[in-house]
């Protein structure tokens, strides 16, 4: 009984340490995973401003910023003291520019069918979006892991594999 109590206290302590130390968090995942919704909820709970990267990255005609513009913009956004950045821009992204400033990286690695269902009900998207969504776990997730290993070795990593994990994470926050 005592051992279970100590383990429970340790897990609660670790969770509180994670939450209390979040100042700059990235939320990554494939399209339709719910990055923006999750980020807004996390921002409310922690009272941290949310930066939705899609609003900065895509031009009105849905063409992406070039790499140099994107790098400079990320540097400017990352200078803020506290933030939650929501966005995973696949092949267009230069993730290294913001990942090195993050203290916490939350990856929504939800099942493909959930993401497809959500994305289909959301809007019309370009072909490259659908290709990215379908191949994210095979192509993009390994790139994300490599970028973390190279630029964010001290960041706390949270992997949420489904909506229940995400809901539990948010509901257990102080």
N, C-alpha and C. Protein backbone atom coordinates (compact mmCIF):
# COMPACT_ATOMS: atom_id res chain seq x y z
N UNK A 1 0.82 -1.19 0.00
CA UNK A 1 0.00 0.00 0.00
C UNK A 1 0.86 1.26 0.00
N UNK A 2 1.86 1.30 0.84
CA UNK A 2 2.75 2.45 0.92
C UNK A 2 3.49 2.68 -0.39
N UNK A 3 3.95 1.58 -1.02
CA UNK A 3 4.67 1.69 -2.28
C UNK A 3 3.78 2.33 -3.34
N UNK A 4 2.53 1.91 -3.43
CA UNK A 4 1.61 2.48 -4.41
C UNK A 4 1.38 3.97 -4.15
N UNK A 5 1.26 4.34 -2.89
CA UNK A 5 1.08 5.74 -2.53
C UNK A 5 2.29 6.57 -2.95
N UNK A 6 3.49 6.06 -2.72
CA UNK A 6 4.72 6.76 -3.10
C UNK A 6 4.80 6.89 -4.61
N UNK A 7 4.48 5.83 -5.33
CA UNK A 7 4.50 5.87 -6.80
C UNK A 7 3.50 6.91 -7.29
N UNK A 8 2.30 6.92 -6.71
CA UNK A 8 1.29 7.89 -7.10
C UNK A 8 1.76 9.31 -6.83
N UNK A 9 2.35 9.54 -5.69
CA UNK A 9 2.89 10.87 -5.39
C UNK A 9 3.97 11.27 -6.38
N UNK A 10 4.84 10.33 -6.73
CA UNK A 10 5.93 10.61 -7.68
C UNK A 10 5.36 10.97 -9.05
N UNK A 11 4.36 10.22 -9.52
CA UNK A 11 3.77 10.52 -10.83
C UNK A 11 3.08 11.88 -10.81
N UNK A 12 2.36 12.18 -9.74
CA UNK A 12 1.72 13.49 -9.62
C UNK A 12 2.76 14.60 -9.57
N UNK A 13 3.86 14.37 -8.86
CA UNK A 13 4.93 15.35 -8.77
C UNK A 13 5.53 15.61 -10.16
N UNK A 14 5.80 14.51 -10.90
CA UNK A 14 6.37 14.66 -12.24
C UNK A 14 5.43 15.44 -13.15
N UNK A 15 4.15 15.14 -13.08
CA UNK A 15 3.16 15.83 -13.91
C UNK A 15 3.11 17.32 -13.54
N UNK A 16 3.08 17.61 -12.24
CA UNK A 16 3.05 19.01 -11.80
C UNK A 16 4.32 19.74 -12.19
N UNK A 17 5.46 19.06 -12.13
CA UNK A 17 6.72 19.69 -12.54
C UNK A 17 6.67 20.04 -14.02
N UNK A 18 6.12 19.13 -14.84
CA UNK A 18 6.01 19.39 -16.27
C UNK A 18 5.14 20.62 -16.50
N UNK A 19 3.96 20.61 -15.93
CA UNK A 19 3.00 21.68 -16.16
C UNK A 19 3.52 23.01 -15.63
N UNK A 20 4.09 23.00 -14.44
CA UNK A 20 4.55 24.25 -13.83
C UNK A 20 5.75 24.83 -14.56
N UNK A 21 6.42 24.04 -15.35
CA UNK A 21 7.60 24.53 -16.05
C UNK A 21 7.35 24.84 -17.52
N UNK A 22 6.14 24.67 -18.00
CA UNK A 22 5.85 24.98 -19.40
C UNK A 22 5.79 26.49 -19.58
N UNK A 23 6.68 26.97 -20.41
CA UNK A 23 6.67 28.38 -20.77
C UNK A 23 6.58 28.55 -22.29
N UNK A 24 7.20 27.61 -23.01
CA UNK A 24 7.22 27.65 -24.48
C UNK A 24 6.98 26.24 -24.99
N UNK A 25 5.78 26.01 -25.48
CA UNK A 25 5.40 24.66 -25.92
C UNK A 25 5.07 24.63 -27.40
N UNK A 26 5.50 23.57 -28.05
CA UNK A 26 5.10 23.30 -29.44
C UNK A 26 4.07 22.19 -29.42
N UNK A 27 3.06 22.32 -30.25
CA UNK A 27 2.08 21.25 -30.44
C UNK A 27 2.16 20.85 -31.90
N UNK A 28 2.55 19.60 -32.12
CA UNK A 28 2.77 19.07 -33.46
C UNK A 28 1.85 17.88 -33.71
N UNK A 29 1.61 17.59 -34.97
CA UNK A 29 0.81 16.43 -35.34
C UNK A 29 0.26 16.61 -36.73
N UNK A 30 -0.28 15.54 -37.26
CA UNK A 30 -0.82 15.61 -38.63
C UNK A 30 -2.10 16.43 -38.67
N UNK A 31 -2.48 16.82 -39.88
CA UNK A 31 -3.72 17.56 -40.06
C UNK A 31 -4.90 16.77 -39.51
N UNK A 32 -5.81 17.46 -38.87
CA UNK A 32 -7.00 16.82 -38.33
C UNK A 32 -6.80 16.21 -36.95
N UNK A 33 -5.60 16.29 -36.40
CA UNK A 33 -5.35 15.72 -35.08
C UNK A 33 -5.98 16.58 -33.97
N UNK A 34 -6.22 17.84 -34.26
CA UNK A 34 -6.80 18.72 -33.25
C UNK A 34 -5.79 19.61 -32.56
N UNK A 35 -4.71 19.93 -33.28
CA UNK A 35 -3.65 20.76 -32.69
C UNK A 35 -4.16 22.11 -32.21
N UNK A 36 -4.96 22.77 -33.02
CA UNK A 36 -5.44 24.10 -32.65
C UNK A 36 -6.39 24.05 -31.46
N UNK A 37 -7.30 23.11 -31.47
CA UNK A 37 -8.24 22.96 -30.35
C UNK A 37 -7.49 22.63 -29.07
N UNK A 38 -6.59 21.66 -29.15
CA UNK A 38 -5.79 21.27 -27.99
C UNK A 38 -4.98 22.46 -27.48
N UNK A 39 -4.35 23.19 -28.38
CA UNK A 39 -3.51 24.34 -27.99
C UNK A 39 -4.32 25.42 -27.31
N UNK A 40 -5.51 25.70 -27.83
CA UNK A 40 -6.36 26.72 -27.19
C UNK A 40 -6.73 26.30 -25.77
N UNK A 41 -7.08 25.02 -25.59
CA UNK A 41 -7.42 24.52 -24.25
C UNK A 41 -6.22 24.60 -23.32
N UNK A 42 -5.07 24.18 -23.81
CA UNK A 42 -3.85 24.22 -23.01
C UNK A 42 -3.52 25.67 -22.63
N UNK A 43 -3.65 26.57 -23.60
CA UNK A 43 -3.40 27.98 -23.34
C UNK A 43 -4.32 28.56 -22.27
N UNK A 44 -5.59 28.17 -22.30
CA UNK A 44 -6.54 28.64 -21.29
C UNK A 44 -6.14 28.15 -19.91
N UNK A 45 -5.84 26.87 -19.82
CA UNK A 45 -5.51 26.28 -18.52
C UNK A 45 -4.24 26.89 -17.94
N UNK A 46 -3.22 27.07 -18.78
CA UNK A 46 -1.93 27.56 -18.30
C UNK A 46 -1.79 29.08 -18.39
N UNK A 47 -2.78 29.73 -18.96
CA UNK A 47 -2.75 31.18 -19.16
C UNK A 47 -1.50 31.59 -19.96
N UNK A 48 -1.33 30.92 -21.08
CA UNK A 48 -0.22 31.18 -22.00
C UNK A 48 -0.82 31.51 -23.37
N UNK A 49 -0.35 32.56 -24.03
CA UNK A 49 -0.88 32.89 -25.36
C UNK A 49 -0.56 31.81 -26.39
N UNK A 50 -1.52 31.58 -27.28
CA UNK A 50 -1.38 30.58 -28.34
C UNK A 50 -1.10 31.28 -29.65
N UNK A 51 -0.12 30.77 -30.36
CA UNK A 51 0.24 31.28 -31.68
C UNK A 51 -0.10 30.18 -32.68
N UNK A 52 -1.13 30.43 -33.49
CA UNK A 52 -1.54 29.46 -34.50
C UNK A 52 -0.74 29.73 -35.77
N UNK A 53 0.24 28.88 -36.03
CA UNK A 53 1.21 29.14 -37.09
C UNK A 53 0.61 29.18 -38.49
N UNK A 54 -0.48 28.44 -38.72
CA UNK A 54 -1.12 28.49 -40.04
C UNK A 54 -1.49 29.92 -40.43
N UNK A 55 -1.88 30.72 -39.46
CA UNK A 55 -2.29 32.10 -39.74
C UNK A 55 -1.12 32.97 -40.20
N UNK A 56 0.08 32.57 -39.84
CA UNK A 56 1.28 33.34 -40.22
C UNK A 56 1.94 32.78 -41.48
N UNK A 57 1.84 31.49 -41.67
CA UNK A 57 2.63 30.81 -42.69
C UNK A 57 2.01 30.88 -44.09
N UNK A 58 0.71 30.70 -44.17
CA UNK A 58 0.05 30.63 -45.47
C UNK A 58 -0.38 32.01 -45.95
N UNK A 59 -0.03 32.32 -47.19
CA UNK A 59 -0.45 33.57 -47.80
C UNK A 59 -1.94 33.46 -48.16
N UNK A 60 -2.61 34.58 -48.48
CA UNK A 60 -4.05 34.53 -48.80
C UNK A 60 -4.39 33.56 -49.95
N UNK A 61 -3.46 33.38 -50.89
CA UNK A 61 -3.71 32.45 -52.00
C UNK A 61 -3.32 31.02 -51.65
N UNK A 62 -3.05 30.76 -50.37
CA UNK A 62 -2.64 29.45 -49.83
C UNK A 62 -1.28 28.98 -50.30
N UNK A 63 -0.48 29.90 -50.76
CA UNK A 63 0.91 29.54 -51.06
C UNK A 63 1.73 29.78 -49.78
N UNK A 64 2.76 28.98 -49.58
CA UNK A 64 3.55 29.10 -48.35
C UNK A 64 4.56 30.25 -48.45
N UNK A 65 4.98 30.72 -47.28
CA UNK A 65 6.11 31.66 -47.24
C UNK A 65 7.36 30.93 -47.72
N UNK A 66 8.31 31.65 -48.26
CA UNK A 66 9.56 31.00 -48.60
C UNK A 66 10.34 30.73 -47.31
N UNK A 67 11.33 29.87 -47.39
CA UNK A 67 12.06 29.45 -46.19
C UNK A 67 12.67 30.61 -45.42
N UNK A 68 13.26 31.55 -46.11
CA UNK A 68 13.91 32.67 -45.41
C UNK A 68 12.89 33.53 -44.65
N UNK A 69 11.75 33.82 -45.31
CA UNK A 69 10.69 34.58 -44.63
C UNK A 69 10.18 33.81 -43.41
N UNK A 70 10.01 32.51 -43.56
CA UNK A 70 9.48 31.67 -42.49
C UNK A 70 10.47 31.60 -41.31
N UNK A 71 11.72 31.46 -41.61
CA UNK A 71 12.74 31.42 -40.55
C UNK A 71 12.73 32.73 -39.76
N UNK A 72 12.73 33.86 -40.45
CA UNK A 72 12.74 35.16 -39.78
C UNK A 72 11.48 35.37 -38.94
N UNK A 73 10.34 34.97 -39.47
CA UNK A 73 9.09 35.12 -38.73
C UNK A 73 9.09 34.25 -37.47
N UNK A 74 9.58 33.01 -37.59
CA UNK A 74 9.64 32.13 -36.42
C UNK A 74 10.56 32.69 -35.34
N UNK A 75 11.69 33.24 -35.76
CA UNK A 75 12.61 33.85 -34.79
C UNK A 75 11.92 34.97 -34.03
N UNK A 76 11.16 35.78 -34.75
CA UNK A 76 10.44 36.90 -34.13
C UNK A 76 9.39 36.37 -33.15
N UNK A 77 8.61 35.39 -33.56
CA UNK A 77 7.56 34.83 -32.69
C UNK A 77 8.15 34.15 -31.46
N UNK A 78 9.28 33.48 -31.62
CA UNK A 78 9.89 32.72 -30.52
C UNK A 78 10.57 33.61 -29.48
N UNK A 79 10.74 34.89 -29.77
CA UNK A 79 11.37 35.81 -28.81
C UNK A 79 10.48 36.09 -27.61
N UNK A 80 9.18 35.86 -27.77
CA UNK A 80 8.27 36.12 -26.66
C UNK A 80 8.62 35.23 -25.48
N UNK A 81 8.31 35.70 -24.29
CA UNK A 81 8.69 34.98 -23.07
C UNK A 81 7.91 33.68 -22.90
N UNK A 82 6.62 33.71 -23.23
CA UNK A 82 5.77 32.53 -23.05
C UNK A 82 4.91 32.35 -24.28
N UNK A 83 4.77 31.11 -24.74
CA UNK A 83 3.93 30.83 -25.89
C UNK A 83 3.63 29.34 -26.02
N UNK A 84 2.54 29.10 -26.71
CA UNK A 84 2.22 27.77 -27.21
C UNK A 84 2.09 27.95 -28.71
N UNK A 85 2.95 27.29 -29.47
CA UNK A 85 2.89 27.37 -30.93
C UNK A 85 2.25 26.10 -31.46
N UNK A 86 1.21 26.31 -32.21
CA UNK A 86 0.45 25.20 -32.77
C UNK A 86 0.69 25.19 -34.27
N UNK A 87 1.26 24.10 -34.75
CA UNK A 87 1.42 23.99 -36.19
C UNK A 87 2.49 22.99 -36.59
N UNK A 88 2.16 22.25 -37.61
CA UNK A 88 3.06 21.27 -38.21
C UNK A 88 2.86 21.44 -39.71
N UNK A 89 3.85 21.97 -40.38
CA UNK A 89 3.67 22.39 -41.76
C UNK A 89 4.35 21.47 -42.77
N UNK A 90 4.69 20.26 -42.31
CA UNK A 90 5.21 19.23 -43.20
C UNK A 90 6.42 19.65 -44.00
N UNK A 91 6.37 19.35 -45.28
CA UNK A 91 7.54 19.58 -46.15
C UNK A 91 7.89 21.06 -46.28
N UNK A 92 6.97 21.94 -45.95
CA UNK A 92 7.24 23.38 -46.05
C UNK A 92 7.92 23.94 -44.80
N UNK A 93 7.93 23.17 -43.75
CA UNK A 93 8.35 23.68 -42.45
C UNK A 93 9.86 23.73 -42.29
N UNK A 94 10.29 24.64 -41.42
CA UNK A 94 11.67 24.70 -40.94
C UNK A 94 11.54 24.61 -39.42
N UNK A 95 11.27 23.42 -38.94
CA UNK A 95 10.94 23.17 -37.54
C UNK A 95 12.09 23.51 -36.60
N UNK A 96 13.30 23.35 -37.06
CA UNK A 96 14.47 23.59 -36.20
C UNK A 96 14.49 25.00 -35.64
N UNK A 97 13.91 25.95 -36.35
CA UNK A 97 13.96 27.35 -35.91
C UNK A 97 13.13 27.62 -34.68
N UNK A 98 12.07 26.87 -34.46
CA UNK A 98 11.27 27.11 -33.25
C UNK A 98 11.43 26.01 -32.22
N UNK A 99 11.85 24.83 -32.65
CA UNK A 99 11.96 23.72 -31.70
C UNK A 99 13.07 23.95 -30.69
N UNK A 100 14.12 24.66 -31.11
CA UNK A 100 15.24 24.89 -30.19
C UNK A 100 14.87 25.85 -29.06
N UNK A 101 13.78 26.61 -29.22
CA UNK A 101 13.33 27.53 -28.18
C UNK A 101 12.24 26.95 -27.29
N UNK A 102 11.76 25.75 -27.62
CA UNK A 102 10.67 25.13 -26.86
C UNK A 102 11.21 24.39 -25.64
N UNK A 103 10.49 24.51 -24.52
CA UNK A 103 10.84 23.70 -23.35
C UNK A 103 9.98 22.44 -23.29
N UNK A 104 8.88 22.43 -24.05
CA UNK A 104 7.96 21.29 -24.06
C UNK A 104 7.49 21.08 -25.49
N UNK A 105 7.48 19.82 -25.91
CA UNK A 105 6.99 19.46 -27.24
C UNK A 105 5.91 18.41 -27.06
N UNK A 106 4.71 18.75 -27.52
CA UNK A 106 3.57 17.84 -27.41
C UNK A 106 3.24 17.36 -28.81
N UNK A 107 3.28 16.06 -28.99
CA UNK A 107 3.02 15.46 -30.30
C UNK A 107 1.69 14.72 -30.25
N UNK A 108 0.76 15.14 -31.10
CA UNK A 108 -0.52 14.45 -31.23
C UNK A 108 -0.37 13.43 -32.36
N UNK A 109 -0.13 12.19 -31.98
CA UNK A 109 0.07 11.12 -32.95
C UNK A 109 -1.18 10.25 -33.00
N UNK A 110 -2.27 10.86 -33.47
CA UNK A 110 -3.56 10.21 -33.49
C UNK A 110 -3.68 9.27 -34.70
N UNK A 111 -4.61 8.30 -34.63
CA UNK A 111 -4.81 7.39 -35.76
C UNK A 111 -5.20 8.13 -37.04
N UNK A 112 -4.74 7.60 -38.15
CA UNK A 112 -5.00 8.21 -39.46
C UNK A 112 -6.50 8.38 -39.71
N UNK A 113 -7.30 7.38 -39.42
CA UNK A 113 -8.73 7.45 -39.74
C UNK A 113 -9.42 8.59 -39.01
N UNK A 114 -9.01 8.87 -37.79
CA UNK A 114 -9.59 9.99 -37.02
C UNK A 114 -9.24 11.31 -37.71
N UNK A 115 -7.98 11.45 -38.07
CA UNK A 115 -7.52 12.70 -38.70
C UNK A 115 -8.18 12.90 -40.05
N UNK A 116 -8.30 11.83 -40.83
CA UNK A 116 -8.96 11.93 -42.13
C UNK A 116 -10.41 12.37 -41.97
N UNK A 117 -11.11 11.75 -41.05
CA UNK A 117 -12.52 12.08 -40.81
C UNK A 117 -12.67 13.56 -40.42
N UNK A 118 -11.83 14.02 -39.52
CA UNK A 118 -11.90 15.42 -39.09
C UNK A 118 -11.57 16.38 -40.23
N UNK A 119 -10.52 16.06 -40.98
CA UNK A 119 -10.09 16.94 -42.07
C UNK A 119 -11.12 16.99 -43.19
N UNK A 120 -11.74 15.86 -43.49
CA UNK A 120 -12.77 15.83 -44.53
C UNK A 120 -13.96 16.72 -44.17
N UNK A 121 -14.30 16.77 -42.91
CA UNK A 121 -15.43 17.58 -42.48
C UNK A 121 -15.11 19.04 -42.29
N UNK A 122 -13.86 19.41 -42.43
CA UNK A 122 -13.41 20.75 -42.09
C UNK A 122 -13.41 21.70 -43.29
N UNK A 123 -12.76 21.31 -44.38
CA UNK A 123 -12.63 22.24 -45.50
C UNK A 123 -12.04 21.54 -46.72
N UNK A 124 -12.01 22.29 -47.81
CA UNK A 124 -11.33 21.81 -49.00
C UNK A 124 -9.84 22.07 -48.82
N UNK A 125 -9.03 21.10 -49.15
CA UNK A 125 -7.59 21.23 -48.99
C UNK A 125 -6.91 20.88 -50.31
N UNK A 126 -5.70 21.33 -50.45
CA UNK A 126 -4.89 21.01 -51.63
C UNK A 126 -4.44 19.56 -51.56
N UNK A 127 -4.04 19.01 -52.71
CA UNK A 127 -3.58 17.62 -52.77
C UNK A 127 -2.40 17.38 -51.83
N UNK A 128 -1.47 18.32 -51.78
CA UNK A 128 -0.29 18.10 -50.94
C UNK A 128 -0.65 18.00 -49.45
N UNK A 129 -1.75 18.65 -49.06
CA UNK A 129 -2.22 18.49 -47.68
C UNK A 129 -2.62 17.05 -47.44
N UNK A 130 -3.40 16.46 -48.32
CA UNK A 130 -3.87 15.07 -48.13
C UNK A 130 -2.70 14.10 -48.14
N UNK A 131 -1.74 14.33 -49.02
CA UNK A 131 -0.57 13.47 -49.07
C UNK A 131 0.21 13.55 -47.75
N UNK A 132 0.39 14.76 -47.23
CA UNK A 132 1.07 14.96 -45.95
C UNK A 132 0.31 14.27 -44.82
N UNK A 133 -1.01 14.44 -44.80
CA UNK A 133 -1.82 13.84 -43.75
C UNK A 133 -1.67 12.30 -43.76
N UNK A 134 -1.77 11.72 -44.94
CA UNK A 134 -1.73 10.26 -45.06
C UNK A 134 -0.34 9.71 -44.74
N UNK A 135 0.71 10.41 -45.14
CA UNK A 135 2.08 9.89 -44.97
C UNK A 135 2.79 10.44 -43.73
N UNK A 136 2.10 11.23 -42.91
CA UNK A 136 2.73 11.91 -41.77
C UNK A 136 3.51 10.97 -40.86
N UNK A 137 2.89 9.86 -40.47
CA UNK A 137 3.55 8.96 -39.51
C UNK A 137 4.80 8.32 -40.12
N UNK A 138 4.78 8.07 -41.40
CA UNK A 138 5.92 7.43 -42.07
C UNK A 138 7.01 8.44 -42.42
N UNK A 139 6.60 9.60 -42.93
CA UNK A 139 7.58 10.60 -43.42
C UNK A 139 7.91 11.69 -42.41
N UNK A 140 6.89 12.29 -41.82
CA UNK A 140 7.12 13.48 -41.00
C UNK A 140 7.49 13.18 -39.55
N UNK A 141 6.86 12.18 -38.95
CA UNK A 141 7.16 11.87 -37.54
C UNK A 141 8.64 11.52 -37.34
N UNK A 142 9.26 10.72 -38.21
CA UNK A 142 10.70 10.49 -38.05
C UNK A 142 11.53 11.77 -38.17
N UNK A 143 11.13 12.70 -39.06
CA UNK A 143 11.83 13.98 -39.18
C UNK A 143 11.69 14.80 -37.90
N UNK A 144 10.50 14.77 -37.32
CA UNK A 144 10.26 15.49 -36.06
C UNK A 144 11.16 14.92 -34.97
N UNK A 145 11.21 13.60 -34.87
CA UNK A 145 12.05 12.96 -33.84
C UNK A 145 13.52 13.31 -34.04
N UNK A 146 13.97 13.29 -35.28
CA UNK A 146 15.37 13.65 -35.56
C UNK A 146 15.65 15.11 -35.21
N UNK A 147 14.71 15.99 -35.51
CA UNK A 147 14.89 17.40 -35.19
C UNK A 147 14.92 17.61 -33.68
N UNK A 148 14.07 16.89 -32.95
CA UNK A 148 14.09 16.96 -31.49
C UNK A 148 15.46 16.50 -30.97
N UNK A 149 15.92 15.37 -31.48
CA UNK A 149 17.22 14.83 -31.02
C UNK A 149 18.37 15.76 -31.32
N UNK A 150 18.24 16.54 -32.37
CA UNK A 150 19.33 17.44 -32.75
C UNK A 150 19.27 18.80 -32.07
N UNK A 151 18.05 19.35 -31.93
CA UNK A 151 17.92 20.74 -31.48
C UNK A 151 17.23 20.92 -30.12
N UNK A 152 16.60 19.87 -29.60
CA UNK A 152 15.79 20.06 -28.39
C UNK A 152 15.98 18.93 -27.39
N UNK A 153 17.21 18.56 -27.17
CA UNK A 153 17.49 17.40 -26.30
C UNK A 153 17.04 17.64 -24.85
N UNK A 154 16.90 18.87 -24.42
CA UNK A 154 16.48 19.14 -23.05
C UNK A 154 14.99 19.42 -22.91
N UNK A 155 14.27 19.43 -24.01
CA UNK A 155 12.83 19.68 -23.95
C UNK A 155 12.10 18.47 -23.38
N UNK A 156 10.99 18.74 -22.71
CA UNK A 156 10.13 17.67 -22.24
C UNK A 156 9.24 17.25 -23.42
N UNK A 157 9.11 15.95 -23.63
CA UNK A 157 8.33 15.43 -24.76
C UNK A 157 7.08 14.74 -24.21
N UNK A 158 5.94 15.09 -24.78
CA UNK A 158 4.67 14.46 -24.41
C UNK A 158 4.08 13.89 -25.69
N UNK A 159 3.87 12.57 -25.73
CA UNK A 159 3.28 11.90 -26.89
C UNK A 159 1.87 11.48 -26.52
N UNK A 160 0.90 12.03 -27.23
CA UNK A 160 -0.50 11.70 -27.00
C UNK A 160 -1.00 10.94 -28.23
N UNK A 161 -1.46 9.70 -28.02
CA UNK A 161 -1.76 8.81 -29.15
C UNK A 161 -3.22 8.81 -29.57
N UNK A 162 -4.09 9.43 -28.80
CA UNK A 162 -5.50 9.46 -29.16
C UNK A 162 -6.19 10.58 -28.39
N UNK A 163 -7.46 10.79 -28.70
CA UNK A 163 -8.20 11.86 -28.07
C UNK A 163 -8.33 11.66 -26.57
N UNK A 164 -8.48 10.41 -26.15
CA UNK A 164 -8.58 10.14 -24.72
C UNK A 164 -7.31 10.58 -23.99
N UNK A 165 -6.14 10.29 -24.57
CA UNK A 165 -4.88 10.76 -23.97
C UNK A 165 -4.86 12.29 -23.86
N UNK A 166 -5.28 12.95 -24.92
CA UNK A 166 -5.27 14.42 -24.93
C UNK A 166 -6.24 14.96 -23.89
N UNK A 167 -7.44 14.41 -23.84
CA UNK A 167 -8.42 14.86 -22.86
C UNK A 167 -7.94 14.62 -21.43
N UNK A 168 -7.33 13.45 -21.19
CA UNK A 168 -6.82 13.15 -19.86
C UNK A 168 -5.69 14.11 -19.48
N UNK A 169 -4.81 14.38 -20.41
CA UNK A 169 -3.70 15.31 -20.15
C UNK A 169 -4.26 16.67 -19.73
N UNK A 170 -5.22 17.18 -20.49
CA UNK A 170 -5.77 18.49 -20.17
C UNK A 170 -6.58 18.47 -18.88
N UNK A 171 -7.32 17.40 -18.63
CA UNK A 171 -8.16 17.36 -17.43
C UNK A 171 -7.36 17.21 -16.15
N UNK A 172 -6.13 16.69 -16.27
CA UNK A 172 -5.29 16.49 -15.08
C UNK A 172 -4.41 17.70 -14.77
N UNK A 173 -4.51 18.73 -15.58
CA UNK A 173 -3.72 19.93 -15.30
C UNK A 173 -4.31 20.66 -14.10
N UNK A 174 -3.45 21.32 -13.34
CA UNK A 174 -3.96 22.04 -12.14
C UNK A 174 -4.85 23.21 -12.51
